[in-house]
Amino acid sequence: MLKYDNNSGAKPFLKWAGGKTQLLKTIEDRFPDEIKKSRKIDKYFEVFVGGGALYFDLMNNYEVAESYIYDINPELILTYNVIKKDPKELIELLSNLQEEYVPLEQDDRKEYYLNIRTTFNENVKEFDYDNYSDAHIIRASQVIFMNKTCFNGLFRLNRHGEFNVPHGKYKNPLICDNKNIKAVNKTLKHTHIINGNYDMSEDLIDDNSLVYLDPPYRPLSSKSNFTTYAGFEFTDQHQIELGEFYKRISDKGAKAILSNSDPKNEDVNDNFFDDLYKDFNIERVQAKRSINSNGKKRGAINEILVTNY
């Protein structure tokens, strides 16, 4: 089996709602003993990659022979692919955006941002995501620019696939992090990047696989607006279907770790995940909720980690 020097020091290049940076040690402490001892992984799958905090940390610190990342968000996967294929051209575009945007006054910055957002949204319906071209590089630069300059660093698409986050007010945003883009490029060189649903990975997963599943979290209240992801609903039925997928890959002998919200934060009698994953190990761990419009609700909260070993 081929082995690669993955350690590049790469870190997530986008700020991502539900990112796992703060939980890295908590998750890795729960890796299978044989992986912790050997620091080697035959096949790694991250099937809701998002910002990829665990993926990058794992690639920096473990010897990974094969790696696969999946996400249903076409804009996100497009950006991963551009960094893998054309980092130099992307850096040039981002550098130009930074040089033009940062010196502007606040009102002019807002206008500049809204123009980029409008151009991005106008191309949603007609954009050819399947056939890679220079247009992909331009679109990736827009994705990164908006993520670095929008309100709260969110990445949110409406049901029409349009980016709808308002402008943010950062003093000196780092739009072009060329050092990290080069590091991410090195990390992605031998990683398979797939735009699609998590279950597309099923045929490739086997008993030599480590799988991390970080789906859109089940909302803790009916008022939450995080029931959609990349324009797609992720309902309780989808959570149940994911639970069935988790059972199937467990039956294949894969080692699997899943994270999600803990409904018992709001209702101690809500056993949704306790019932769904009753055949596996469920642990409650503390995490900080960093993205919330209500500042009083940003603090420590329980999340669940499910392991099948």
Protein backbone atom coordinates (compact mmCIF):
# COMPACT_ATOMS: atom_id res chain seq x y z
CA MET A 1 0.00 0.00 0.00
CA LEU A 2 1.34 3.44 -0.93
CA LYS A 3 2.31 5.77 1.88
CA TYR A 4 2.53 9.54 1.65
CA ASP A 5 4.11 12.30 3.70
CA ASN A 6 0.89 14.13 4.56
CA ASN A 7 2.23 16.50 7.22
CA SER A 8 1.95 20.01 5.82
CA GLY A 9 0.62 21.97 8.79
CA ALA A 10 -2.60 22.62 6.88
CA LYS A 11 -5.69 23.86 8.72
CA PRO A 12 -9.26 24.65 7.62
CA PHE A 13 -9.33 27.39 4.97
CA LEU A 14 -12.95 28.34 5.71
CA LYS A 15 -14.78 29.20 8.90
CA TRP A 16 -17.56 26.63 9.20
CA ALA A 17 -20.64 26.40 11.39
CA GLY A 18 -20.21 23.35 13.59
CA GLY A 19 -16.48 23.13 12.91
CA LYS A 20 -14.64 20.64 15.10
CA THR A 21 -11.42 22.51 15.92
CA GLN A 22 -12.27 22.75 19.62
CA LEU A 23 -13.14 19.05 19.86
CA LEU A 24 -10.12 17.62 18.04
CA LYS A 25 -8.41 16.24 21.12
CA THR A 26 -11.70 14.92 22.52
CA ILE A 27 -12.38 13.01 19.30
CA GLU A 28 -8.84 11.77 18.76
CA ASP A 29 -8.59 10.56 22.35
CA ARG A 30 -11.40 8.19 21.41
CA PHE A 31 -9.71 6.77 18.31
CA PRO A 32 -9.25 2.98 18.33
CA ASP A 33 -6.24 1.95 20.42
CA GLU A 34 -4.44 0.35 17.48
CA ILE A 35 -4.60 3.63 15.53
CA LYS A 36 -3.41 5.71 18.48
CA LYS A 37 -0.48 3.36 19.04
CA SER A 38 0.63 2.91 15.43
CA ARG A 39 -0.28 6.43 14.21
CA LYS A 40 -1.29 4.72 10.97
CA ILE A 41 -4.63 4.56 9.12
CA ASP A 42 -5.22 2.45 6.03
CA LYS A 43 -8.37 4.20 4.78
CA TYR A 44 -9.93 7.37 6.18
CA PHE A 45 -13.39 8.64 5.26
CA GLU A 46 -14.91 11.97 6.28
CA VAL A 47 -18.36 11.92 4.74
CA PHE A 48 -19.60 15.38 5.81
CA VAL A 49 -16.28 17.19 5.47
CA GLY A 50 -17.40 20.81 5.93
CA GLY A 51 -14.39 22.83 7.03
CA GLY A 52 -12.40 19.62 7.53
CA ALA A 53 -10.85 20.36 10.95
CA LEU A 54 -10.49 16.69 11.89
CA TYR A 55 -9.36 15.73 8.38
CA PHE A 56 -6.52 18.26 8.37
CA ASP A 57 -5.43 17.48 11.91
CA LEU A 58 -5.46 13.76 11.24
CA MET A 59 -3.52 14.13 7.99
CA ASN A 60 -0.90 16.20 9.82
CA ASN A 61 -0.44 13.73 12.64
CA TYR A 62 -1.11 10.25 11.27
CA GLU A 63 0.25 8.20 8.39
CA VAL A 64 -2.80 7.88 6.15
CA ALA A 65 -2.51 5.62 3.12
CA GLU A 66 -5.87 6.50 1.50
CA SER A 67 -8.23 9.37 2.29
CA TYR A 68 -11.69 10.28 1.03
CA ILE A 69 -13.74 13.40 1.74
CA TYR A 70 -17.38 13.90 0.77
CA ASP A 71 -19.85 16.76 0.98
CA ILE A 72 -23.19 17.49 -0.66
CA ASN A 73 -22.38 21.21 -0.89
CA PRO A 74 -21.20 21.82 -4.49
CA GLU A 75 -19.57 25.18 -3.71
CA LEU A 76 -17.52 23.69 -0.90
CA ILE A 77 -16.29 20.73 -2.95
CA LEU A 78 -15.56 23.03 -5.89
CA THR A 79 -13.29 25.06 -3.62
CA TYR A 80 -11.48 21.99 -2.30
CA ASN A 81 -10.88 20.88 -5.90
CA VAL A 82 -9.54 24.28 -6.96
CA ILE A 83 -7.05 24.33 -4.09
CA LYS A 84 -5.97 20.82 -5.09
CA LYS A 85 -5.59 21.65 -8.79
CA ASP A 86 -4.79 25.37 -9.13
CA PRO A 87 -3.51 26.90 -5.87
CA LYS A 88 -1.25 29.43 -7.59
CA GLU A 89 -4.04 30.90 -9.72
CA LEU A 90 -6.40 30.96 -6.72
CA ILE A 91 -3.83 32.78 -4.58
CA GLU A 92 -3.41 35.40 -7.30
CA LEU A 93 -7.16 36.07 -7.43
CA LEU A 94 -7.50 36.21 -3.65
CA SER A 95 -4.51 38.54 -3.38
CA ASN A 96 -6.16 40.92 -5.85
CA LEU A 97 -9.42 40.80 -3.89
CA GLN A 98 -7.59 41.56 -0.66
CA GLU A 99 -5.66 44.48 -2.18
CA GLU A 100 -8.87 46.00 -3.53
CA TYR A 101 -11.15 45.36 -0.55
CA VAL A 102 -9.11 46.04 2.59
CA PRO A 103 -8.20 49.73 1.92
CA LEU A 104 -11.88 50.66 1.34
CA GLU A 105 -14.06 52.52 3.83
CA GLN A 106 -16.85 50.50 5.45
CA ASP A 107 -19.66 51.60 3.11
CA ASP A 108 -17.51 50.91 0.06
CA ARG A 109 -16.50 47.55 1.48
CA LYS A 110 -20.16 46.63 1.84
CA GLU A 111 -20.89 47.62 -1.76
CA TYR A 112 -17.86 45.63 -2.97
CA TYR A 113 -19.00 42.57 -0.99
CA LEU A 114 -22.59 42.79 -2.27
CA ASN A 115 -21.34 43.04 -5.87
CA ILE A 116 -19.32 39.85 -5.43
CA ARG A 117 -22.28 38.14 -3.78
CA THR A 118 -24.65 39.22 -6.58
CA THR A 119 -22.29 37.94 -9.27
CA PHE A 120 -21.89 34.66 -7.42
CA ASN A 121 -25.66 34.20 -7.06
CA GLU A 122 -26.43 35.15 -10.65
CA ASN A 123 -24.30 32.23 -11.83
CA VAL A 124 -25.83 29.56 -9.57
CA LYS A 125 -28.39 28.15 -12.01
CA GLU A 126 -26.17 28.23 -15.08
CA PHE A 127 -22.89 27.18 -13.51
CA ASP A 128 -21.27 23.98 -14.80
CA TYR A 129 -19.97 22.25 -11.68
CA ASP A 130 -19.04 19.03 -13.49
CA ASN A 131 -16.57 20.28 -16.11
CA TYR A 132 -13.57 21.89 -14.45
CA SER A 133 -12.49 25.24 -15.95
CA ASP A 134 -11.06 28.68 -15.10
CA ALA A 135 -14.59 29.63 -14.00
CA HIS A 136 -14.17 27.24 -11.07
CA ILE A 137 -11.10 29.15 -9.88
CA ILE A 138 -12.99 32.44 -9.99
CA ARG A 139 -15.93 30.92 -8.12
CA ALA A 140 -13.65 29.43 -5.45
CA SER A 141 -12.10 32.87 -4.90
CA GLN A 142 -15.60 34.28 -4.40
CA VAL A 143 -16.47 31.53 -1.90
CA ILE A 144 -13.36 32.23 0.18
CA PHE A 145 -13.74 36.02 -0.10
CA MET A 146 -17.35 35.94 1.10
CA ASN A 147 -16.53 33.55 3.94
CA LYS A 148 -13.76 35.87 5.16
CA THR A 149 -15.81 39.06 4.91
CA CYS A 150 -19.43 38.06 5.61
CA PHE A 151 -21.26 38.35 8.93
CA ASN A 152 -19.97 35.89 11.55
CA GLY A 153 -17.94 33.97 8.96
CA LEU A 154 -20.94 31.84 8.05
CA PHE A 155 -21.40 29.86 4.87
CA ARG A 156 -25.09 29.59 4.19
CA LEU A 157 -27.03 28.85 1.01
CA ASN A 158 -30.78 29.24 0.63
CA ARG A 159 -33.06 26.72 -1.07
CA HIS A 160 -32.10 28.15 -4.46
CA GLY A 161 -28.40 27.63 -3.82
CA GLU A 162 -27.80 31.35 -3.33
CA PHE A 163 -25.42 32.76 -0.75
CA ASN A 164 -27.51 34.96 1.54
CA VAL A 165 -25.25 36.02 4.43
CA PRO A 166 -24.97 39.80 4.96
CA HIS A 167 -21.71 41.73 5.01
CA GLY A 168 -19.52 41.57 8.12
CA LYS A 169 -17.41 44.26 9.78
CA TYR A 170 -13.87 42.95 10.18
CA LYS A 171 -11.04 45.44 10.59
CA ASN A 172 -8.38 43.64 8.58
CA PRO A 173 -9.62 40.27 7.27
CA LEU A 174 -7.04 37.83 5.89
CA ILE A 175 -8.63 37.03 2.55
CA CYS A 176 -5.52 35.50 0.99
CA ASP A 177 -3.77 33.09 3.34
CA ASN A 178 -1.31 31.89 0.73
CA LYS A 179 0.79 29.86 3.18
CA ASN A 180 -2.20 27.81 4.29
CA ILE A 181 -3.57 27.39 0.76
CA LYS A 182 -0.22 25.88 -0.27
CA ALA A 183 -0.30 23.60 2.78
CA VAL A 184 -3.89 22.53 2.02
CA ASN A 185 -2.86 21.83 -1.57
CA LYS A 186 -0.13 19.49 -0.33
CA THR A 187 -2.54 17.69 1.99
CA LEU A 188 -5.19 17.24 -0.71
CA LYS A 189 -2.84 15.88 -3.38
CA HIS A 190 -3.60 12.23 -2.61
CA THR A 191 -7.14 12.68 -1.25
CA HIS A 192 -10.25 11.70 -3.20
CA ILE A 193 -12.73 14.62 -3.18
CA ILE A 194 -16.36 13.75 -3.91
CA ASN A 195 -19.39 16.01 -4.25
CA GLY A 196 -22.23 13.82 -3.10
CA ASN A 197 -24.19 12.22 -0.29
CA TYR A 198 -22.48 10.32 2.52
CA ASP A 199 -23.84 6.96 1.33
CA MET A 200 -21.76 7.18 -1.86
CA SER A 201 -18.87 6.02 0.31
CA GLU A 202 -20.50 2.76 1.38
CA ASP A 203 -19.07 0.44 -1.27
CA LEU A 204 -15.52 1.68 -0.59
CA ILE A 205 -15.68 1.35 3.18
CA ASP A 206 -14.31 -1.91 4.59
CA ASP A 207 -12.84 -3.36 7.76
CA ASN A 208 -9.63 -1.35 7.28
CA SER A 209 -11.51 1.95 7.35
CA LEU A 210 -11.86 4.73 9.92
CA VAL A 211 -15.00 6.78 9.25
CA TYR A 212 -15.93 10.11 10.81
CA LEU A 213 -19.53 11.31 10.43
CA ASP A 214 -20.36 14.91 11.33
CA PRO A 215 -23.82 15.50 9.82
CA PRO A 216 -25.92 18.65 10.08
CA TYR A 217 -26.83 18.65 13.76
CA ARG A 218 -30.35 17.91 14.88
CA PRO A 219 -31.70 21.29 16.06
CA LEU A 220 -32.14 21.68 19.80
CA SER A 221 -35.29 23.74 19.39
CA SER A 222 -38.00 24.34 16.81
CA LYS A 223 -36.67 27.88 16.35
CA SER A 224 -33.31 26.74 15.02
CA ASN A 225 -32.63 27.59 11.37
CA PHE A 226 -29.95 24.91 10.92
CA THR A 227 -32.34 22.23 9.66
CA THR A 228 -31.15 22.94 6.11
CA TYR A 229 -27.66 22.48 4.72
CA ALA A 230 -26.54 23.70 1.30
CA GLY A 231 -30.20 24.11 0.36
CA PHE A 232 -31.06 20.54 1.42
CA GLU A 233 -33.27 19.55 4.32
CA PHE A 234 -31.76 17.28 6.97
CA THR A 235 -34.73 16.14 9.01
CA ASP A 236 -35.23 13.52 11.73
CA GLN A 237 -35.94 11.03 8.95
CA HIS A 238 -32.54 11.81 7.43
CA GLN A 239 -30.96 11.31 10.87
CA ILE A 240 -32.66 7.89 11.07
CA GLU A 241 -31.39 6.96 7.59
CA LEU A 242 -27.89 8.00 8.65
CA GLY A 243 -28.25 5.76 11.70
CA GLU A 244 -29.04 2.84 9.41
CA PHE A 245 -25.94 3.67 7.32
CA TYR A 246 -23.90 3.72 10.53
CA LYS A 247 -25.14 0.22 11.36
CA ARG A 248 -24.31 -1.07 7.89
CA ILE A 249 -20.72 0.17 7.88
CA SER A 250 -20.34 -1.17 11.42
CA ASP A 251 -21.42 -4.59 10.16
CA LYS A 252 -18.65 -4.35 7.54
CA GLY A 253 -16.10 -3.98 10.33
CA ALA A 254 -15.31 -0.30 9.82
CA LYS A 255 -14.40 1.80 12.86
CA ALA A 256 -16.88 4.70 12.98
CA ILE A 257 -17.17 7.89 15.03
CA LEU A 258 -20.26 10.10 14.80
CA SER A 259 -20.94 13.47 16.40
CA ASN A 260 -24.25 15.27 16.83
CA SER A 261 -26.18 17.56 19.13
CA ASP A 262 -27.51 16.29 22.43
CA PRO A 263 -31.30 16.76 22.63
CA LYS A 264 -31.12 16.38 26.40
CA ASN A 265 -29.71 19.91 26.62
CA GLU A 266 -33.28 21.08 26.07
CA ASP A 267 -35.35 18.07 27.09
CA VAL A 268 -33.97 15.39 29.42
CA ASN A 269 -36.69 13.02 28.20
CA ASP A 270 -35.69 13.30 24.53
CA ASN A 271 -34.09 9.92 23.76
CA PHE A 272 -33.90 10.34 19.99
CA PHE A 273 -30.19 9.52 19.66
CA ASP A 274 -30.09 7.21 22.67
CA ASP A 275 -32.65 5.04 20.91
CA LEU A 276 -31.19 5.42 17.42
CA TYR A 277 -27.67 4.40 18.51
CA LYS A 278 -28.62 2.10 21.39
CA ASP A 279 -26.40 -0.69 20.02
CA PHE A 280 -23.29 1.50 20.19
CA ASN A 281 -21.29 3.56 22.66
CA ILE A 282 -22.78 7.01 23.31
CA GLU A 283 -20.74 9.57 25.21
CA ARG A 284 -21.67 13.13 26.10
CA VAL A 285 -18.89 15.71 25.80
CA GLN A 286 -18.82 19.46 26.32
CA ALA A 287 -18.38 21.90 23.45
CA LYS A 288 -18.71 25.64 23.04
CA ARG A 289 -21.48 26.96 20.87
CA SER A 290 -19.66 29.76 19.04
CA ILE A 291 -22.20 30.71 16.36
CA ASN A 292 -25.46 32.01 17.75
CA SER A 293 -27.24 35.30 17.15
CA ASN A 294 -27.98 35.48 20.87
CA GLY A 295 -24.74 36.16 22.74
CA LYS A 296 -26.19 34.76 25.97
CA LYS A 297 -26.50 31.34 24.32
CA ARG A 298 -22.85 31.10 23.37
CA GLY A 299 -21.31 28.80 25.93
CA ALA A 300 -20.64 25.23 27.01
CA ILE A 301 -23.16 22.68 25.84
CA ASN A 302 -23.24 18.90 25.59
CA GLU A 303 -22.77 17.08 22.29
CA ILE A 304 -22.77 13.35 21.68
CA LEU A 305 -20.03 11.13 20.29
CA VAL A 306 -21.01 7.68 19.08
CA THR A 307 -18.41 4.94 18.54
CA ASN A 308 -18.85 1.35 17.40
CA TYR A 309 -15.77 -0.11 19.09
